[in-house]
Amino acid sequence: MKPHKVFYSVSFFQFFMREITGTTLILFLLSKGLSLETSNYLLVIYFLSVFLFEVPTGAIADKYGRKISVVLGLICFLIYSIFFMQANELWLLIFAQIFGGLAICLQSGALESWVVETSEHSVEDLFTTANSIQYISGIFCGLLGALLATYHYSLPWIVSIISTIITITLCLCFMNENNTIARHNANSNLLIIIRESVRIGINNKAIWIIFFIGLFISFSNSAGNTFQQPRLVGLSEQGIWIMGIIKAAYSLCMTLGSYLIRKLYRKYSDIYILMLSCAMIGIWLTLAGALNSFYPVLVTFLIYEVGRGMYPAAKQIFLNKRISNEYRSTLLSLDSAISQLGMCIGLIVTGIISRKFINIKSDQAPIQISWIICGGIALIPIVLLLLFKINTKGNRQLIGNQNFKS
């Protein structure tokens, strides 16, 4: 199987096994007796684990190989799923979340690095197609996850476990690397890889701008991701099944967003497209928070999801064009770690705001406030990108003048 096909297949299953449970995750936690605030703090544990483990695990992928990192990550995800499904005590849920964070860390960056290094396809084609495939899988897992949860909340987790086992088998059989021996024999140890990656990230303005953007967008997405279930199910006054329809609808919207990126790259620069992605997220999440009846909120939320579909592909293309293979996994992991920090901060802030929200019948004002705040935060990266664009243009003009004088 060719590398790009392996990448697309693994991307599909990775998204499927997470999102089939994610469709009703917050409702699942509420059914276990947790409040929305406690659920948020539990998610903080998860994202904090990702923040702490990201860079070291990225260095493992750069030193020992992409394949071993991805497979170990899937094994950790299997452990996480089993514990999370069975646990009713808070400390066991925390234990599961730590494994979940480690699972994401071992996979993030490694799969991207592997396909960039082994495939002949352009990064634009690879990442826009992969994101579209993931969002299409979101349609199926949204409908299936909500349907299964209607009968029992554990059923989506069982399907997720089966999907994880299939993905492990797929990686073991078809994910091949040609340069693992060179990595093992390289003089650089893990600490050197980490130090060099951090140095490159600090010295390269384009890279640390992306790090800051990831921080703000992750903060923004914290409320949009975690509060969508109680907000939309509560406003609709329908059962859990409605979330499956909504999940399918916004997966289609995210697919549309990824498709738009491919079209836009034919006419516009990656900076402008990244700015547009952030604007779509910020403006429409703010409107979804300001409104308070089901259909207007649903429509604005779905347009917000178009922006969310645009952002990952736009960011991946922008970043992967500006980093080398030697430290690719570690730099991608460093970017992910900073993004998780933004998610943690966002979850803590919105968790405090929403502490009085106990069930889907509660007053939705805390969620509205959270969405409006997070929408405003998503607009900050536009200013950063504008300043970066102006500064880059100024430097080019200065270099041109110096060349002219010489």
Foldseek 3Di string as FASTA:
>chain_A
DALLVLLLVLLQLVLLLVLLLLLCVLVVVLVLVDFLLVVLVLVLLLLLLLLVQQQLLLLCCLQQHLLVLLLQLLVLLLVLLVQCLPDSDPVSSSVSSNSNSSSCNSNFLSSLLLCVVRPPDDLLVSLLSSLLSSLQSLLVSLQVSLVVVVVPSSVSSVVSSVSSVVSSVSSVVPRDDDCSVVSNPDPDDSVNLSVVLVVVCVVDPLNVLLLVLLLLLLLLVLLVSSVPQLQQCLQVVDDSNVSSVLSNLLSVLLSLLSVVLSVCVVPDDLLVLLLVLLLQQLPLLLQLLVDRHNPSNSVSSSSNSSSVSNNVSSSSNSVVVPDDSSSRSSSSSNSSSSSSVSSSVSSNVLSVLCVVRGGSNDDCNSSSVSSNVSSVSSNVSSVSSVVVVVVVVVVVVVVVVVVVVD
